[in-house]
Protein backbone atom coordinates (compact mmCIF):
# COMPACT_ATOMS: atom_id res chain seq x y z
CA MET A 1 -36.90 25.52 -8.00
CA LYS A 2 -34.25 26.06 -5.73
CA MET A 3 -33.09 22.67 -5.66
CA ILE A 4 -33.30 22.50 -10.14
CA ARG A 5 -31.10 26.13 -10.20
CA SER A 6 -28.35 24.48 -7.40
CA LEU A 7 -28.53 21.08 -9.74
CA SER A 8 -27.48 23.45 -12.75
CA ARG A 9 -24.91 25.03 -10.72
CA ASP A 10 -23.88 22.18 -9.91
CA LEU A 11 -23.90 20.71 -13.31
CA GLY A 12 -22.17 24.39 -14.36
CA ARG A 13 -19.12 23.46 -11.89
CA ILE A 14 -19.03 19.80 -12.77
CA LEU A 15 -18.99 19.91 -16.50
CA PRO A 16 -15.93 21.94 -16.98
CA LEU A 17 -13.98 19.90 -14.73
CA LEU A 18 -15.30 16.62 -16.05
CA ALA A 19 -14.11 18.14 -19.74
CA LEU A 20 -10.76 18.80 -18.27
CA VAL A 21 -10.16 15.33 -16.42
CA ALA A 22 -10.57 14.03 -20.25
CA LEU A 23 -8.33 16.91 -21.65
CA LEU A 24 -5.47 16.06 -19.46
CA LEU A 25 -5.82 11.81 -19.78
CA TRP A 26 -6.12 12.89 -23.80
CA LEU A 27 -2.99 14.75 -23.75
CA ASP A 28 -1.51 12.18 -20.73
CA SER A 29 -1.94 9.68 -24.24
CA TRP A 30 -1.25 11.14 -26.96
CA LEU A 31 1.54 13.74 -25.80
CA PRO A 32 4.14 10.65 -25.54
CA LYS A 33 3.20 9.28 -28.51
CA MET A 34 4.07 12.18 -30.76
CA THR A 35 7.13 13.16 -28.78
CA ASN A 36 8.55 10.20 -28.12
CA GLU A 37 9.09 11.25 -24.56
CA ALA A 38 7.08 10.51 -21.43
CA ILE A 39 8.42 13.32 -19.23
CA LEU A 40 5.30 15.30 -18.51
CA SER A 41 3.04 11.91 -18.29
CA PRO A 42 2.79 11.94 -14.44
CA LEU A 43 2.53 15.00 -13.92
CA LEU A 44 -1.07 15.19 -16.56
CA SER A 45 -1.84 11.83 -14.84
CA SER A 46 -2.06 13.04 -11.40
CA SER A 47 -3.52 16.46 -11.88
CA ALA A 48 -6.37 14.38 -14.11
CA LEU A 49 -6.44 12.30 -10.83
CA VAL A 50 -6.84 14.42 -8.35
CA LEU A 51 -9.43 16.49 -10.47
CA ALA A 52 -11.55 13.66 -10.78
CA LEU A 53 -11.08 13.23 -7.01
CA ALA A 54 -11.88 17.38 -6.10
CA THR A 55 -15.47 16.57 -8.58
CA LEU A 56 -16.18 13.49 -6.79
CA SER A 57 -15.79 15.14 -3.33
CA HIS A 58 -18.35 17.95 -4.59
CA CYS A 59 -21.09 15.42 -5.74
CA THR A 60 -20.19 13.65 -2.19
CA ARG A 61 -20.88 16.53 -0.52
CA ARG A 62 -24.23 18.07 -2.49
CA VAL A 63 -25.69 14.50 -1.68
CA LEU A 64 -24.84 14.39 1.67
CA PHE A 65 -25.97 17.97 2.47
CA PRO A 66 -28.26 19.05 -0.43
CA ARG A 67 -29.43 22.33 1.56
CA LEU A 68 -26.24 23.21 2.26
CA ASP A 69 -25.02 26.39 -0.25
CA LEU A 70 -21.78 26.94 0.37
CA GLN A 71 -22.05 30.72 -1.92
CA GLU A 72 -24.30 31.40 0.53
CA ILE A 73 -22.74 31.15 3.77
CA ALA A 74 -19.80 32.88 2.18
CA ILE A 75 -21.45 35.48 1.12
CA LYS A 76 -22.73 36.09 4.58
CA ALA A 77 -19.44 35.49 6.12
CA PHE A 78 -18.14 38.17 4.11
CA GLY A 79 -20.09 40.87 5.75
CA HIS A 80 -17.60 40.47 8.86
CA PRO A 81 -14.14 40.22 8.17
CA ILE A 82 -13.46 37.46 10.64
CA GLY A 83 -15.53 35.88 9.00
CA ALA A 84 -14.10 36.83 5.65
CA ALA A 85 -10.82 35.69 6.42
CA LEU A 86 -12.17 32.13 7.45
CA VAL A 87 -13.58 31.95 4.23
CA PHE A 88 -10.62 32.70 2.77
CA LEU A 89 -8.60 30.45 4.88
CA GLY A 90 -10.75 27.65 4.02
CA ILE A 91 -10.17 28.28 0.30
CA SER A 92 -6.59 28.35 0.63
CA MET A 93 -6.87 24.90 2.71
CA VAL A 94 -8.36 23.58 -0.35
CA LEU A 95 -6.00 24.29 -2.78
CA SER A 96 -3.26 23.56 -0.31
CA VAL A 97 -4.76 19.87 -0.66
CA LEU A 98 -5.53 19.29 -3.66
CA LEU A 99 -1.75 21.02 -4.96
CA TYR A 100 -0.58 18.31 -2.13
CA GLY A 101 -2.29 15.56 -3.16
CA ASN A 102 -0.80 16.18 -6.78
CA ILE A 103 2.76 16.28 -5.39
CA SER A 104 2.29 13.63 -2.98
CA MET A 105 1.69 11.47 -6.05
CA LEU A 106 4.47 12.35 -8.05
CA ARG A 107 6.37 11.34 -5.91
């Protein structure tokens, strides 16, 4: 039962990301045709690629470590100030790597 719950929770996280990737790629193909300018095209395509890689990373983590529930670990960590700080640091590092990946593709 726990596995089904985690699978439905994962699908709830993955499907909106994939929808956003599809929207960004659609905008990337549609916007330059309508405006005759492709200034946003690199930003849209690199953002879509970074989001797709983040989604793939989440799926890979779930396949390699199916019993690891990061939400449960984070809730336990919030019981102590150092644990909460480490969770905040981890989330900040993941977001900064995603931002760095997006920016490095734009160079």
